[in-house]
N, C-alpha and C. Protein backbone atom coordinates (compact mmCIF):
# COMPACT_ATOMS: atom_id res chain seq x y z
N PHE A 1 113.20 -3.42 -106.36
CA PHE A 1 113.28 -3.64 -107.92
C PHE A 1 111.70 -4.32 -108.61
N LEU A 2 111.34 -5.30 -108.20
CA LEU A 2 109.84 -5.66 -108.85
C LEU A 2 109.23 -4.48 -108.73
N GLY A 3 108.94 -4.14 -107.43
CA GLY A 3 107.54 -3.30 -107.51
C GLY A 3 108.07 -2.50 -108.93
N ALA A 4 109.06 -1.49 -108.95
CA ALA A 4 108.95 -0.28 -109.56
C ALA A 4 109.00 -0.80 -111.30
N ALA A 5 109.71 -1.82 -111.17
CA ALA A 5 110.03 -2.18 -112.95
C ALA A 5 108.50 -2.85 -113.35
N TYR A 6 107.93 -4.06 -112.26
CA TYR A 6 107.07 -4.80 -113.01
C TYR A 6 105.83 -4.61 -112.39
N GLY A 7 105.67 -3.54 -111.45
CA GLY A 7 104.37 -3.45 -110.28
C GLY A 7 104.09 -4.40 -109.21
N VAL A 8 104.96 -5.23 -109.60
CA VAL A 8 104.82 -6.09 -108.50
C VAL A 8 104.94 -5.78 -106.89
N PRO A 9 103.39 -6.24 -106.11
CA PRO A 9 103.28 -5.50 -104.78
C PRO A 9 104.62 -6.02 -103.82
N GLY A 10 104.82 -4.89 -103.19
CA GLY A 10 105.97 -5.71 -101.80
C GLY A 10 106.38 -4.16 -101.40
N ILE A 11 106.74 -4.25 -100.12
CA ILE A 11 107.90 -3.34 -99.27
C ILE A 11 108.83 -3.34 -98.85
N GLY A 12 109.87 -3.00 -99.41
CA GLY A 12 111.07 -3.46 -99.49
C GLY A 12 111.58 -2.72 -98.31
N VAL A 13 112.10 -3.26 -97.12
CA VAL A 13 112.67 -2.72 -96.11
C VAL A 13 114.04 -2.61 -95.54
N ASP A 14 114.44 -1.15 -96.09
CA ASP A 14 116.15 -0.90 -95.94
C ASP A 14 116.08 0.02 -94.27
N THR A 15 116.90 0.64 -94.10
CA THR A 15 117.22 1.23 -93.06
C THR A 15 116.54 2.33 -93.11
N HIS A 16 116.01 3.19 -93.83
CA HIS A 16 115.44 4.17 -94.40
C HIS A 16 113.69 4.03 -93.89
N VAL A 17 112.98 3.07 -94.69
CA VAL A 17 111.85 2.55 -94.39
C VAL A 17 111.77 1.86 -92.85
N ALA A 18 112.83 1.46 -92.15
CA ALA A 18 112.94 0.62 -90.69
C ALA A 18 112.82 1.99 -89.85
N ARG A 19 113.49 3.18 -90.18
CA ARG A 19 113.64 3.88 -89.26
C ARG A 19 112.35 4.65 -89.07
N VAL A 20 111.99 4.97 -90.41
CA VAL A 20 110.59 6.09 -90.01
C VAL A 20 109.45 5.39 -90.11
N ALA A 21 109.34 3.81 -89.69
CA ALA A 21 108.41 3.07 -89.77
C ALA A 21 108.19 2.90 -88.15
N ARG A 22 109.28 2.82 -87.38
CA ARG A 22 109.72 2.85 -85.93
C ARG A 22 109.30 4.37 -85.46
N ARG A 23 109.56 5.46 -86.49
CA ARG A 23 109.65 6.56 -85.55
C ARG A 23 107.71 7.14 -85.37
N LEU A 24 107.16 6.49 -86.68
CA LEU A 24 105.75 6.99 -86.73
C LEU A 24 105.05 5.81 -86.14
N CYS A 25 105.66 4.86 -85.07
CA CYS A 25 105.08 3.98 -84.42
C CYS A 25 103.94 2.87 -85.51
N LEU A 26 104.07 2.86 -86.44
CA LEU A 26 103.61 1.96 -87.67
C LEU A 26 104.65 0.70 -87.36
N SER A 27 105.58 0.59 -86.61
CA SER A 27 106.36 -0.90 -86.50
C SER A 27 106.85 -0.29 -85.28
N GLN A 28 107.55 -1.54 -84.29
CA GLN A 28 108.36 -1.31 -83.40
C GLN A 28 109.41 -2.57 -83.46
N ALA A 29 109.25 -3.50 -84.92
CA ALA A 29 110.29 -4.60 -84.72
C ALA A 29 111.76 -4.50 -85.58
N ARG A 30 112.28 -4.85 -84.96
CA ARG A 30 113.78 -4.56 -85.38
C ARG A 30 114.76 -5.52 -86.29
N THR A 31 113.55 -6.26 -87.24
CA THR A 31 114.05 -6.81 -88.32
C THR A 31 113.21 -6.53 -89.64
N PRO A 32 114.07 -6.45 -90.96
CA PRO A 32 113.25 -6.27 -92.04
C PRO A 32 112.10 -6.72 -92.27
N GLU A 33 112.34 -8.06 -91.97
CA GLU A 33 111.04 -9.20 -92.52
C GLU A 33 109.85 -8.53 -91.79
N ARG A 34 109.60 -8.07 -90.50
CA ARG A 34 108.93 -8.28 -89.43
C ARG A 34 108.53 -6.82 -89.45
N VAL A 35 109.38 -6.02 -89.95
CA VAL A 35 108.57 -4.50 -90.22
C VAL A 35 108.22 -4.83 -91.61
N GLY A 36 108.68 -5.01 -92.36
CA GLY A 36 107.47 -5.39 -93.63
C GLY A 36 106.27 -5.79 -93.49
N ARG A 37 106.09 -7.26 -92.74
CA ARG A 37 105.26 -7.90 -92.20
C ARG A 37 103.97 -6.90 -91.96
N ASP A 38 104.65 -6.21 -90.94
CA ASP A 38 103.94 -4.80 -90.26
C ASP A 38 102.98 -3.78 -91.06
N LEU A 39 104.32 -3.58 -92.04
CA LEU A 39 103.72 -2.78 -92.75
C LEU A 39 102.35 -3.00 -93.82
N GLU A 40 102.92 -4.45 -94.14
CA GLU A 40 101.88 -4.62 -95.26
C GLU A 40 100.62 -5.05 -94.40
N ALA A 41 100.64 -5.19 -93.50
CA ALA A 41 99.19 -5.73 -92.43
C ALA A 41 98.67 -4.25 -92.33
N LEU A 42 99.05 -3.14 -92.52
CA LEU A 42 98.17 -1.87 -92.10
C LEU A 42 98.12 -1.13 -93.30
N PHE A 43 98.35 -1.65 -94.47
CA PHE A 43 98.18 -0.66 -95.99
C PHE A 43 97.91 -1.66 -97.03
N PRO A 44 96.73 -1.65 -97.50
CA PRO A 44 96.41 -2.21 -99.12
C PRO A 44 97.34 -2.44 -99.69
N GLN A 45 97.62 -3.50 -100.56
CA GLN A 45 98.66 -4.20 -101.35
C GLN A 45 98.94 -3.18 -102.37
N GLU A 46 97.75 -2.51 -102.93
CA GLU A 46 97.86 -1.80 -104.18
C GLU A 46 98.36 -0.05 -103.41
N ASP A 47 98.86 0.04 -102.41
CA ASP A 47 99.98 1.24 -102.34
C ASP A 47 101.17 0.57 -101.58
N TRP A 48 101.43 -0.67 -101.39
CA TRP A 48 102.75 -1.21 -101.55
C TRP A 48 104.20 -0.19 -101.87
N VAL A 49 104.09 -0.69 -102.93
CA VAL A 49 105.14 0.34 -103.90
C VAL A 49 105.48 1.43 -103.63
N PHE A 50 104.26 2.36 -103.68
CA PHE A 50 103.95 3.73 -103.80
C PHE A 50 104.59 3.72 -101.81
N LEU A 51 104.32 3.27 -101.27
CA LEU A 51 104.75 3.63 -99.64
C LEU A 51 106.23 3.17 -99.30
N HIS A 52 106.56 2.09 -100.10
CA HIS A 52 107.91 1.50 -99.99
C HIS A 52 108.77 3.07 -100.22
N HIS A 53 108.58 3.72 -101.45
CA HIS A 53 109.16 5.00 -102.21
C HIS A 53 108.55 6.11 -101.21
N ALA A 54 107.92 6.13 -100.73
CA ALA A 54 107.52 7.48 -99.97
C ALA A 54 108.43 7.41 -98.53
N LEU A 55 108.49 6.02 -97.98
CA LEU A 55 109.10 6.02 -96.68
C LEU A 55 110.89 6.39 -97.18
N VAL A 56 111.44 5.92 -98.18
CA VAL A 56 112.86 5.69 -98.49
C VAL A 56 112.84 7.24 -98.66
N LEU A 57 112.08 8.12 -99.11
CA LEU A 57 112.45 9.22 -99.37
C LEU A 57 112.69 10.00 -98.19
N HIS A 58 111.36 9.85 -97.82
CA HIS A 58 110.94 10.79 -96.72
C HIS A 58 112.20 10.92 -95.32
N GLY A 59 112.77 9.66 -94.86
CA GLY A 59 113.92 9.05 -94.77
C GLY A 59 115.68 9.49 -94.93
N ARG A 60 115.23 9.80 -96.19
CA ARG A 60 116.48 10.23 -96.86
C ARG A 60 116.56 11.55 -96.96
N TYR A 61 115.37 12.32 -96.49
CA TYR A 61 115.37 14.23 -96.91
C TYR A 61 114.72 14.63 -95.70
N VAL A 62 113.89 13.72 -94.91
CA VAL A 62 113.34 14.87 -93.81
C VAL A 62 113.57 14.27 -92.56
N CYS A 63 113.17 13.06 -92.30
CA CYS A 63 113.37 12.43 -91.51
C CYS A 63 114.32 11.42 -90.94
N THR A 64 115.66 12.24 -91.09
CA THR A 64 117.02 11.72 -91.47
C THR A 64 117.32 11.02 -90.13
N ALA A 65 118.51 10.05 -89.90
CA ALA A 65 118.77 9.47 -88.79
C ALA A 65 119.50 10.43 -87.31
N ARG A 66 120.25 11.31 -87.93
CA ARG A 66 121.24 11.92 -87.18
C ARG A 66 120.34 13.46 -86.41
N ASN A 67 119.43 14.24 -87.80
CA ASN A 67 119.06 15.05 -87.48
C ASN A 67 117.79 15.54 -88.09
N PRO A 68 117.00 14.82 -87.67
CA PRO A 68 115.57 14.75 -88.36
C PRO A 68 114.90 16.12 -88.67
N ASN A 69 114.35 16.73 -89.66
CA ASN A 69 113.70 18.06 -89.51
C ASN A 69 112.15 17.91 -89.26
N CYS A 70 111.91 17.66 -87.94
CA CYS A 70 110.51 17.53 -87.90
C CYS A 70 110.18 18.79 -87.84
N GLN A 71 110.57 20.21 -88.00
CA GLN A 71 109.94 21.57 -88.48
C GLN A 71 109.49 21.46 -89.43
N GLY A 72 110.43 20.62 -90.39
CA GLY A 72 109.61 21.31 -91.85
C GLY A 72 108.58 19.87 -92.74
N CYS A 73 108.65 18.97 -91.41
CA CYS A 73 108.11 17.64 -91.44
C CYS A 73 106.58 17.64 -91.74
N GLY A 74 106.19 17.46 -93.02
CA GLY A 74 104.47 17.33 -93.40
C GLY A 74 103.93 16.41 -92.32
N LEU A 75 104.28 15.78 -92.00
CA LEU A 75 103.65 14.47 -90.82
C LEU A 75 103.87 15.07 -89.35
N GLN A 76 104.39 16.31 -89.22
CA GLN A 76 104.35 16.38 -87.73
C GLN A 76 103.65 16.49 -86.85
N GLY A 77 102.46 16.87 -87.51
CA GLY A 77 100.76 16.67 -86.53
C GLY A 77 101.20 15.59 -86.22
N TYR A 78 101.09 14.40 -86.51
CA TYR A 78 100.48 12.58 -86.71
C TYR A 78 102.52 12.05 -85.95
N CYS A 79 103.02 12.54 -85.71
CA CYS A 79 104.37 11.59 -85.51
C CYS A 79 104.56 11.88 -83.95
N PRO A 80 104.27 10.81 -83.53
CA PRO A 80 104.54 10.79 -81.84
C PRO A 80 106.09 10.90 -81.21
N SER A 81 107.21 10.89 -82.58
CA SER A 81 108.25 11.06 -82.34
C SER A 81 108.81 12.37 -82.46
N ARG A 82 108.17 13.26 -83.09
CA ARG A 82 108.43 14.45 -83.50
C ARG A 82 109.28 15.35 -82.31
N ARG A 83 110.01 15.80 -82.45
CA ARG A 83 111.10 16.69 -81.74
C ARG A 83 110.49 18.36 -81.80
N ALA A 84 110.72 18.86 -80.70
CA ALA A 84 109.79 20.39 -80.58
C ALA A 84 111.02 21.33 -81.30
């Protein structure tokens, strides 16, 4: 909320963010706190709010939990978890 409303940098880690971060091998952590720290170490602070929203939306509409749309994914060429 603080990032979207007031521009306070941060990466909120929900189930979508954690799942996509693990599938993209950006983090292998299992706790939201650790996933957040891993992502913060990989990306510049000015991108954290955008990154959070991008990962949430990607996890909701493309890289879903049960049936990821790997064929329609723009990150397919970079994703180590992609399905043929």
